[in-house]
Amino acid sequence: MAAGSFFGVALHKGTSFPVGKVDFMDLYPLTFQEFLCALGEERFVNILQGTDTDMVRTFKSKYIDRLREYYYVGGMPEVVQTYVETKDFNQVRQIQKNLLNYYQQDF
């Protein structure tokens, strides 16, 4: 078989791209506030966006816990969705590894 394949057009020998079968989307990582919303904690976002610093201090430990989760989970939509659904850091880590592997294969 030549440089092309039945499933797409290859620019490099042995690889192909599924022309017409891929939709490109621009995705951005979730911010910390979006992460809180994904967890169903909009009330904490509202407090952060407000001017009542005493309320922020009242929930300081909650914010710290959620920020630690956000640091580990990150903001990639699929990873956040898995965390929201399962609260399982092992599954989160597996999806993170898969995403990194997909990016590496894309190069």
Protein backbone atom coordinates (compact mmCIF):
# COMPACT_ATOMS: atom_id res chain seq x y z
CA MET A 1 0.00 0.00 0.00
CA ALA A 2 1.25 3.50 -0.79
CA ALA A 3 1.56 6.35 1.68
CA GLY A 4 -2.25 6.69 1.83
CA SER A 5 -4.67 4.28 3.47
CA PHE A 6 -8.32 3.35 3.26
CA PHE A 7 -9.16 5.48 6.31
CA GLY A 8 -7.45 8.78 5.52
CA VAL A 9 -4.52 10.47 3.92
CA ALA A 10 -1.06 9.84 5.28
CA LEU A 11 1.59 12.51 5.38
CA HIS A 12 4.08 10.05 6.82
CA LYS A 13 4.52 6.46 5.79
CA GLY A 14 2.53 4.09 8.00
CA THR A 15 0.22 6.74 9.48
CA SER A 16 -3.14 8.07 8.41
CA PHE A 17 -5.63 10.70 9.46
CA PRO A 18 -9.36 9.95 9.29
CA VAL A 19 -10.33 12.85 7.00
CA GLY A 20 -14.00 13.74 7.35
CA LYS A 21 -14.35 11.64 10.48
CA VAL A 22 -12.90 14.07 13.01
CA ASP A 23 -14.49 17.16 14.53
CA PHE A 24 -12.07 19.72 15.92
CA MET A 25 -13.06 21.49 19.11
CA ASP A 26 -11.28 24.07 21.21
CA LEU A 27 -11.36 22.93 24.83
CA TYR A 28 -9.86 24.80 27.71
CA PRO A 29 -9.16 23.61 31.23
CA LEU A 30 -11.70 24.45 33.89
CA THR A 31 -10.83 27.23 36.29
CA PHE A 32 -11.00 26.63 40.02
CA GLN A 33 -14.40 28.32 40.15
CA GLU A 34 -15.68 26.16 37.28
CA PHE A 35 -14.32 23.13 39.11
CA LEU A 36 -16.35 24.10 42.18
CA CYS A 37 -19.46 24.45 40.00
CA ALA A 38 -18.83 21.01 38.49
CA LEU A 39 -18.82 19.65 42.04
CA GLY A 40 -22.15 21.33 42.68
CA GLU A 41 -20.69 23.90 45.04
CA GLU A 42 -21.85 27.10 43.39
CA ARG A 43 -22.46 28.64 46.82
CA PHE A 44 -18.69 28.70 47.41
CA VAL A 45 -18.16 30.39 44.05
CA ASN A 46 -20.73 33.03 44.98
CA ILE A 47 -18.90 33.67 48.25
CA LEU A 48 -15.57 34.04 46.40
CA GLN A 49 -17.12 36.47 43.93
CA GLY A 50 -18.69 38.52 46.72
CA THR A 51 -17.13 41.04 49.04
CA ASP A 52 -17.66 39.27 52.37
CA THR A 53 -14.13 38.20 53.27
CA ASP A 54 -15.33 36.94 56.66
CA MET A 55 -17.41 34.29 54.87
CA VAL A 56 -14.38 33.24 52.85
CA ARG A 57 -12.42 32.85 56.09
CA THR A 58 -15.30 30.88 57.61
CA PHE A 59 -15.00 28.28 54.83
CA LYS A 60 -11.21 28.46 54.59
CA SER A 61 -10.66 24.74 55.25
CA LYS A 62 -13.30 23.80 52.65
CA TYR A 63 -11.59 26.00 50.04
CA ILE A 64 -8.20 24.52 50.89
CA ASP A 65 -9.57 20.95 50.55
CA ARG A 66 -11.19 21.75 47.19
CA LEU A 67 -8.07 23.54 45.96
CA ARG A 68 -5.97 20.47 46.79
CA GLU A 69 -8.42 18.34 44.82
CA TYR A 70 -8.25 20.80 41.93
CA TYR A 71 -4.43 20.68 41.98
CA TYR A 72 -4.52 16.89 41.68
CA VAL A 73 -7.45 16.50 39.29
CA GLY A 74 -6.61 19.52 37.16
CA GLY A 75 -9.01 21.16 34.81
CA MET A 76 -9.24 18.80 31.84
CA PRO A 77 -12.97 18.30 31.24
CA GLU A 78 -12.93 14.50 30.96
CA VAL A 79 -10.84 14.15 34.11
CA VAL A 80 -13.07 16.52 36.08
CA GLN A 81 -16.19 14.69 34.90
CA THR A 82 -14.74 11.36 36.03
CA TYR A 83 -13.85 12.83 39.41
CA VAL A 84 -17.33 14.30 39.83
CA GLU A 85 -18.94 10.96 38.97
CA THR A 86 -16.63 8.64 40.92
CA LYS A 87 -14.54 10.63 43.43
CA ASP A 88 -11.90 7.99 42.62
CA PHE A 89 -8.37 9.40 42.35
CA ASN A 90 -7.12 6.14 40.79
CA GLN A 91 -9.55 6.51 37.88
CA VAL A 92 -8.62 10.18 37.61
CA ARG A 93 -4.94 9.31 37.38
CA GLN A 94 -5.59 6.64 34.73
CA ILE A 95 -7.45 9.12 32.53
CA GLN A 96 -4.66 11.67 33.00
CA LYS A 97 -2.11 9.05 31.89
CA ASN A 98 -4.28 8.13 28.90
CA LEU A 99 -4.58 11.77 27.83
CA LEU A 100 -0.83 12.25 28.10
CA ASN A 101 -0.31 9.10 26.05
CA TYR A 102 -2.75 10.34 23.37
CA TYR A 103 -0.90 13.65 23.15
CA GLN A 104 2.43 11.86 22.87
CA GLN A 105 1.11 9.64 20.08
CA ASP A 106 -0.23 12.72 18.29
CA PHE A 107 3.34 14.06 17.94
